[in-house]
Amino acid sequence: MEQYLSDELHCKIVDLQTEVKDTYRKLNMMLSALDKRISELYHSLERTPPDDVDAIAFTSQLKAVLERRRVVKDERARLKLFNGLAGHSLREIELNYDRALQASFEIRQDFHVELTLEEVAAEMGVKI
């Protein structure tokens, strides 16, 4: 079967959306793990008698976890737009792509088109 530029781009869009979704899921998992670590630190502090609390060590540990959480949360916030928009756009593309392929096939059959885009582009000196 002939490979079209649109097929290649469609695959790239699907792959990119999958990568965005997987990355967003991983960031959520990381954020959850860091939140759990913060909770553990607070529970440890609650269980420790006041005279035994090493405030500097506790503060250092908490700050380190909070800093990591901020890094993950910041990246997730930047990726959130892509995750939402790409998912919505991909659903629209999937709904319409099959129809566009069918229409293209019918037109190419009706008009007896045998050339490929690559052949036409090469004839015209255009690199695709």
N, C-alpha and C. Protein backbone atom coordinates (compact mmCIF):
# COMPACT_ATOMS: atom_id res chain seq x y z
N MET A 1 0.84 -1.18 0.00
CA MET A 1 0.00 0.00 0.00
C MET A 1 0.88 1.24 0.00
N GLU A 2 0.48 2.23 -0.72
CA GLU A 2 1.24 3.46 -0.85
C GLU A 2 1.24 4.23 0.48
N GLN A 3 2.39 4.76 0.83
CA GLN A 3 2.51 5.55 2.06
C GLN A 3 2.38 7.03 1.70
N TYR A 4 1.48 7.71 2.35
CA TYR A 4 1.25 9.13 2.10
C TYR A 4 1.89 9.97 3.20
N LEU A 5 2.22 11.21 2.87
CA LEU A 5 2.77 12.15 3.84
C LEU A 5 1.81 12.31 5.01
N SER A 6 0.51 12.37 4.72
CA SER A 6 -0.47 12.53 5.79
C SER A 6 -0.45 11.34 6.74
N ASP A 7 -0.21 10.13 6.22
CA ASP A 7 -0.11 8.95 7.09
C ASP A 7 1.07 9.09 8.04
N GLU A 8 2.19 9.54 7.50
CA GLU A 8 3.40 9.71 8.30
C GLU A 8 3.18 10.77 9.39
N LEU A 9 2.57 11.89 9.02
CA LEU A 9 2.31 12.95 9.99
C LEU A 9 1.29 12.49 11.03
N HIS A 10 0.30 11.75 10.59
CA HIS A 10 -0.69 11.22 11.53
C HIS A 10 -0.01 10.33 12.57
N CYS A 11 0.89 9.47 12.14
CA CYS A 11 1.62 8.60 13.06
C CYS A 11 2.46 9.42 14.04
N LYS A 12 3.10 10.48 13.54
CA LYS A 12 3.92 11.33 14.41
C LYS A 12 3.05 12.02 15.46
N ILE A 13 1.87 12.48 15.06
CA ILE A 13 0.96 13.14 16.01
C ILE A 13 0.52 12.15 17.08
N VAL A 14 0.15 10.96 16.67
CA VAL A 14 -0.29 9.93 17.62
C VAL A 14 0.86 9.58 18.57
N ASP A 15 2.07 9.41 18.03
CA ASP A 15 3.23 9.08 18.87
C ASP A 15 3.53 10.22 19.85
N LEU A 16 3.44 11.46 19.37
CA LEU A 16 3.71 12.60 20.24
C LEU A 16 2.67 12.70 21.35
N GLN A 17 1.41 12.49 21.02
CA GLN A 17 0.37 12.52 22.04
C GLN A 17 0.58 11.42 23.07
N THR A 18 0.97 10.26 22.62
CA THR A 18 1.25 9.16 23.54
C THR A 18 2.40 9.53 24.47
N GLU A 19 3.44 10.14 23.92
CA GLU A 19 4.59 10.55 24.73
C GLU A 19 4.19 11.62 25.74
N VAL A 20 3.38 12.58 25.32
CA VAL A 20 2.92 13.64 26.23
C VAL A 20 2.10 13.02 27.36
N LYS A 21 1.18 12.14 27.00
CA LYS A 21 0.32 11.50 28.00
C LYS A 21 1.13 10.66 28.98
N ASP A 22 2.09 9.89 28.48
CA ASP A 22 2.94 9.07 29.34
C ASP A 22 3.80 9.93 30.27
N THR A 23 4.34 11.02 29.73
CA THR A 23 5.17 11.91 30.54
C THR A 23 4.33 12.57 31.63
N TYR A 24 3.12 13.01 31.28
CA TYR A 24 2.23 13.64 32.25
C TYR A 24 1.87 12.65 33.36
N ARG A 25 1.62 11.40 32.99
CA ARG A 25 1.30 10.36 33.97
C ARG A 25 2.50 10.13 34.89
N LYS A 26 3.70 10.09 34.34
CA LYS A 26 4.91 9.89 35.15
C LYS A 26 5.13 11.07 36.11
N LEU A 27 4.88 12.28 35.62
CA LEU A 27 5.02 13.45 36.48
C LEU A 27 4.02 13.39 37.63
N ASN A 28 2.81 12.96 37.36
CA ASN A 28 1.81 12.80 38.43
C ASN A 28 2.25 11.76 39.45
N MET A 29 2.84 10.66 38.97
CA MET A 29 3.34 9.63 39.87
C MET A 29 4.48 10.18 40.74
N MET A 30 5.37 10.95 40.12
CA MET A 30 6.47 11.54 40.88
C MET A 30 5.95 12.52 41.93
N LEU A 31 4.98 13.33 41.54
CA LEU A 31 4.39 14.28 42.47
C LEU A 31 3.74 13.56 43.64
N SER A 32 3.04 12.49 43.36
CA SER A 32 2.40 11.69 44.40
C SER A 32 3.44 11.11 45.36
N ALA A 33 4.53 10.60 44.82
CA ALA A 33 5.58 10.03 45.66
C ALA A 33 6.22 11.11 46.54
N LEU A 34 6.43 12.29 45.99
CA LEU A 34 7.01 13.38 46.78
C LEU A 34 6.03 13.86 47.85
N ASP A 35 4.74 13.92 47.53
CA ASP A 35 3.73 14.28 48.52
C ASP A 35 3.71 13.26 49.66
N LYS A 36 3.86 11.99 49.31
CA LYS A 36 3.90 10.94 50.32
C LYS A 36 5.12 11.13 51.22
N ARG A 37 6.25 11.49 50.61
CA ARG A 37 7.48 11.71 51.40
C ARG A 37 7.29 12.89 52.35
N ILE A 38 6.64 13.95 51.91
CA ILE A 38 6.36 15.11 52.78
C ILE A 38 5.49 14.68 53.96
N SER A 39 4.47 13.90 53.65
CA SER A 39 3.58 13.39 54.70
C SER A 39 4.35 12.54 55.70
N GLU A 40 5.25 11.71 55.21
CA GLU A 40 6.06 10.87 56.10
C GLU A 40 6.93 11.73 57.02
N LEU A 41 7.50 12.80 56.45
CA LEU A 41 8.33 13.70 57.27
C LEU A 41 7.49 14.35 58.37
N TYR A 42 6.30 14.81 58.02
CA TYR A 42 5.43 15.44 59.01
C TYR A 42 5.00 14.44 60.09
N HIS A 43 4.67 13.22 59.68
CA HIS A 43 4.29 12.20 60.67
C HIS A 43 5.46 11.87 61.59
N SER A 44 6.65 11.81 61.02
CA SER A 44 7.84 11.57 61.82
C SER A 44 8.03 12.69 62.84
N LEU A 45 7.82 13.92 62.41
CA LEU A 45 7.94 15.07 63.32
C LEU A 45 6.89 14.99 64.42
N GLU A 46 5.67 14.61 64.08
CA GLU A 46 4.60 14.51 65.07
C GLU A 46 4.90 13.45 66.13
N ARG A 47 5.54 12.37 65.71
CA ARG A 47 5.83 11.26 66.62
C ARG A 47 7.06 11.52 67.51
N THR A 48 7.87 12.47 67.12
CA THR A 48 9.11 12.73 67.85
C THR A 48 8.85 13.69 69.02
N PRO A 49 9.32 13.33 70.19
CA PRO A 49 9.18 14.25 71.33
C PRO A 49 9.88 15.58 71.04
N PRO A 50 9.30 16.68 71.48
CA PRO A 50 9.86 18.00 71.17
C PRO A 50 11.34 18.16 71.48
N ASP A 51 11.79 17.58 72.56
CA ASP A 51 13.21 17.73 72.94
C ASP A 51 14.15 16.94 72.03
N ASP A 52 13.61 15.95 71.30
CA ASP A 52 14.43 15.11 70.42
C ASP A 52 14.43 15.58 68.96
N VAL A 53 13.69 16.63 68.67
CA VAL A 53 13.59 17.11 67.29
C VAL A 53 14.88 17.82 66.89
N ASP A 54 15.44 17.37 65.77
CA ASP A 54 16.60 18.06 65.18
C ASP A 54 16.04 18.98 64.10
N ALA A 55 15.74 20.20 64.48
CA ALA A 55 15.05 21.14 63.59
C ALA A 55 15.83 21.41 62.31
N ILE A 56 17.13 21.49 62.41
CA ILE A 56 17.94 21.78 61.21
C ILE A 56 17.89 20.61 60.24
N ALA A 57 18.04 19.39 60.76
CA ALA A 57 17.99 18.21 59.89
C ALA A 57 16.60 18.07 59.26
N PHE A 58 15.56 18.26 60.08
CA PHE A 58 14.19 18.15 59.56
C PHE A 58 13.94 19.20 58.48
N THR A 59 14.32 20.42 58.75
CA THR A 59 14.12 21.51 57.79
C THR A 59 14.88 21.24 56.50
N SER A 60 16.09 20.73 56.61
CA SER A 60 16.89 20.42 55.42
C SER A 60 16.23 19.32 54.58
N GLN A 61 15.75 18.28 55.26
CA GLN A 61 15.07 17.19 54.54
C GLN A 61 13.80 17.69 53.86
N LEU A 62 13.01 18.46 54.61
CA LEU A 62 11.76 18.98 54.05
C LEU A 62 12.03 19.90 52.87
N LYS A 63 13.01 20.77 53.02
CA LYS A 63 13.35 21.69 51.93
C LYS A 63 13.78 20.94 50.68
N ALA A 64 14.57 19.89 50.85
CA ALA A 64 15.03 19.10 49.70
C ALA A 64 13.85 18.46 48.96
N VAL A 65 12.90 17.91 49.72
CA VAL A 65 11.74 17.29 49.09
C VAL A 65 10.86 18.34 48.42
N LEU A 66 10.66 19.48 49.09
CA LEU A 66 9.83 20.55 48.53
C LEU A 66 10.44 21.11 47.24
N GLU A 67 11.76 21.21 47.21
CA GLU A 67 12.42 21.70 46.00
C GLU A 67 12.19 20.74 44.83
N ARG A 68 12.32 19.47 45.09
CA ARG A 68 12.08 18.47 44.04
C ARG A 68 10.62 18.50 43.59
N ARG A 69 9.73 18.66 44.57
CA ARG A 69 8.30 18.74 44.25
C ARG A 69 8.03 19.96 43.36
N ARG A 70 8.67 21.07 43.65
CA ARG A 70 8.48 22.29 42.86
C ARG A 70 8.94 22.08 41.43
N VAL A 71 10.05 21.39 41.23
CA VAL A 71 10.57 21.12 39.89
C VAL A 71 9.56 20.28 39.10
N VAL A 72 9.05 19.22 39.72
CA VAL A 72 8.09 18.34 39.05
C VAL A 72 6.79 19.08 38.78
N LYS A 73 6.32 19.83 39.78
CA LYS A 73 5.06 20.56 39.63
C LYS A 73 5.16 21.62 38.52
N ASP A 74 6.31 22.28 38.44
CA ASP A 74 6.52 23.29 37.41
C ASP A 74 6.47 22.67 36.01
N GLU A 75 7.16 21.56 35.84
CA GLU A 75 7.16 20.89 34.53
C GLU A 75 5.76 20.39 34.18
N ARG A 76 5.07 19.86 35.17
CA ARG A 76 3.71 19.36 34.94
C ARG A 76 2.78 20.52 34.52
N ALA A 77 2.95 21.67 35.14
CA ALA A 77 2.12 22.83 34.79
C ALA A 77 2.37 23.26 33.35
N ARG A 78 3.62 23.21 32.91
CA ARG A 78 3.93 23.58 31.52
C ARG A 78 3.42 22.54 30.54
N LEU A 79 3.43 21.29 30.94
CA LEU A 79 2.99 20.20 30.06
C LEU A 79 1.47 20.05 30.04
N LYS A 80 0.80 20.57 31.05
CA LYS A 80 -0.65 20.41 31.18
C LYS A 80 -1.39 20.93 29.95
N LEU A 81 -0.96 22.05 29.43
CA LEU A 81 -1.60 22.61 28.24
C LEU A 81 -1.51 21.64 27.07
N PHE A 82 -0.34 21.08 26.85
CA PHE A 82 -0.17 20.13 25.75
C PHE A 82 -0.98 18.86 25.97
N ASN A 83 -1.02 18.42 27.21
CA ASN A 83 -1.76 17.20 27.53
C ASN A 83 -3.25 17.38 27.22
N GLY A 84 -3.80 18.50 27.61
CA GLY A 84 -5.22 18.75 27.37
C GLY A 84 -5.53 19.01 25.90
N LEU A 85 -4.78 19.93 25.31
CA LEU A 85 -5.06 20.30 23.92
C LEU A 85 -4.75 19.17 22.95
N ALA A 86 -3.63 18.51 23.17
CA ALA A 86 -3.25 17.43 22.26
C ALA A 86 -4.27 16.30 22.32
N GLY A 87 -4.74 15.98 23.51
CA GLY A 87 -5.74 14.92 23.63
C GLY A 87 -7.03 15.28 22.91
N HIS A 88 -7.47 16.52 23.09
CA HIS A 88 -8.69 16.97 22.42
C HIS A 88 -8.50 16.98 20.91
N SER A 89 -7.38 17.54 20.46
CA SER A 89 -7.10 17.62 19.03
C SER A 89 -6.97 16.24 18.41
N LEU A 90 -6.33 15.33 19.12
CA LEU A 90 -6.14 13.99 18.58
C LEU A 90 -7.48 13.29 18.40
N ARG A 91 -8.39 13.48 19.33
CA ARG A 91 -9.73 12.88 19.17
C ARG A 91 -10.41 13.42 17.92
N GLU A 92 -10.27 14.73 17.68
CA GLU A 92 -10.86 15.34 16.48
C GLU A 92 -10.20 14.78 15.22
N ILE A 93 -8.88 14.66 15.26
CA ILE A 93 -8.15 14.12 14.10
C ILE A 93 -8.60 12.69 13.82
N GLU A 94 -8.67 11.87 14.86
CA GLU A 94 -9.06 10.48 14.68
C GLU A 94 -10.47 10.37 14.10
N LEU A 95 -11.37 11.24 14.55
CA LEU A 95 -12.75 11.21 14.04
C LEU A 95 -12.82 11.52 12.55
N ASN A 96 -11.96 12.43 12.11
CA ASN A 96 -12.04 12.89 10.73
C ASN A 96 -11.04 12.25 9.77
N TYR A 97 -9.99 11.65 10.31
CA TYR A 97 -8.92 11.14 9.45
C TYR A 97 -9.39 10.00 8.56
N ASP A 98 -10.13 9.06 9.11
CA ASP A 98 -10.61 7.94 8.31
C ASP A 98 -11.49 8.42 7.16
N ARG A 99 -12.34 9.40 7.45
CA ARG A 99 -13.20 9.95 6.39
C ARG A 99 -12.37 10.62 5.30
N ALA A 100 -11.34 11.34 5.72
CA ALA A 100 -10.47 12.01 4.73
C ALA A 100 -9.73 10.98 3.88
N LEU A 101 -9.28 9.89 4.50
CA LEU A 101 -8.60 8.84 3.74
C LEU A 101 -9.54 8.19 2.72
N GLN A 102 -10.76 7.92 3.15
CA GLN A 102 -11.74 7.32 2.24
C GLN A 102 -12.03 8.25 1.06
N ALA A 103 -12.22 9.53 1.35
CA ALA A 103 -12.50 10.50 0.28
C ALA A 103 -11.30 10.59 -0.67
N SER A 104 -10.11 10.60 -0.12
CA SER A 104 -8.91 10.66 -0.94
C SER A 104 -8.80 9.45 -1.85
N PHE A 105 -9.05 8.28 -1.30
CA PHE A 105 -8.99 7.05 -2.08
C PHE A 105 -10.00 7.09 -3.23
N GLU A 106 -11.21 7.52 -2.93
CA GLU A 106 -12.25 7.58 -3.96
C GLU A 106 -11.90 8.57 -5.06
N ILE A 107 -11.39 9.73 -4.69
CA ILE A 107 -11.01 10.74 -5.69
C ILE A 107 -9.87 10.22 -6.56
N ARG A 108 -8.87 9.61 -5.94
CA ARG A 108 -7.73 9.08 -6.70
C ARG A 108 -8.19 7.98 -7.65
N GLN A 109 -9.14 7.17 -7.21
CA GLN A 109 -9.68 6.11 -8.07
C GLN A 109 -10.50 6.72 -9.22
N ASP A 110 -11.40 7.65 -8.88
CA ASP A 110 -12.27 8.26 -9.88
C ASP A 110 -11.49 8.98 -10.99
N PHE A 111 -10.40 9.63 -10.60
CA PHE A 111 -9.62 10.39 -11.57
C PHE A 111 -8.38 9.64 -12.05
N HIS A 112 -8.27 8.37 -11.70
CA HIS A 112 -7.17 7.51 -12.14
C HIS A 112 -5.79 8.12 -11.82
N VAL A 113 -5.65 8.61 -10.61
CA VAL A 113 -4.39 9.22 -10.17
C VAL A 113 -3.44 8.12 -9.72
N GLU A 114 -2.26 8.10 -10.33
CA GLU A 114 -1.26 7.09 -9.99
C GLU A 114 0.03 7.69 -9.45
N LEU A 115 0.21 8.99 -9.61
CA LEU A 115 1.41 9.64 -9.10
C LEU A 115 1.36 9.75 -7.59
N THR A 116 2.55 9.83 -6.98
CA THR A 116 2.63 10.06 -5.54
C THR A 116 3.05 11.50 -5.29
N LEU A 117 2.85 11.97 -4.09
CA LEU A 117 3.27 13.32 -3.73
C LEU A 117 4.78 13.47 -3.89
N GLU A 118 5.51 12.44 -3.52
CA GLU A 118 6.97 12.49 -3.62
C GLU A 118 7.41 12.66 -5.07
N GLU A 119 6.73 11.99 -6.00
CA GLU A 119 7.07 12.12 -7.42
C GLU A 119 6.79 13.53 -7.91
N VAL A 120 5.66 14.09 -7.56
CA VAL A 120 5.31 15.45 -7.99
C VAL A 120 6.27 16.45 -7.36
N ALA A 121 6.57 16.30 -6.08
CA ALA A 121 7.47 17.22 -5.40
C ALA A 121 8.86 17.16 -6.03
N ALA A 122 9.33 15.96 -6.36
CA ALA A 122 10.64 15.82 -6.98
C ALA A 122 10.68 16.48 -8.35
N GLU A 123 9.61 16.31 -9.13
CA GLU A 123 9.53 16.96 -10.44
C GLU A 123 9.59 18.48 -10.30
N MET A 124 8.99 19.00 -9.21
CA MET A 124 8.92 20.45 -9.01
C MET A 124 10.10 20.99 -8.22
N GLY A 125 11.01 20.09 -7.80
CA GLY A 125 12.19 20.53 -7.05
C GLY A 125 11.87 20.92 -5.61
N VAL A 126 10.82 20.36 -5.06
CA VAL A 126 10.44 20.66 -3.67
C VAL A 126 10.78 19.45 -2.81
N LYS A 127 11.47 19.70 -1.71
CA LYS A 127 11.83 18.60 -0.79
C LYS A 127 10.76 18.51 0.29
N ILE A 128 10.19 17.33 0.41
CA ILE A 128 9.15 17.08 1.44
C ILE A 128 9.65 16.04 2.41
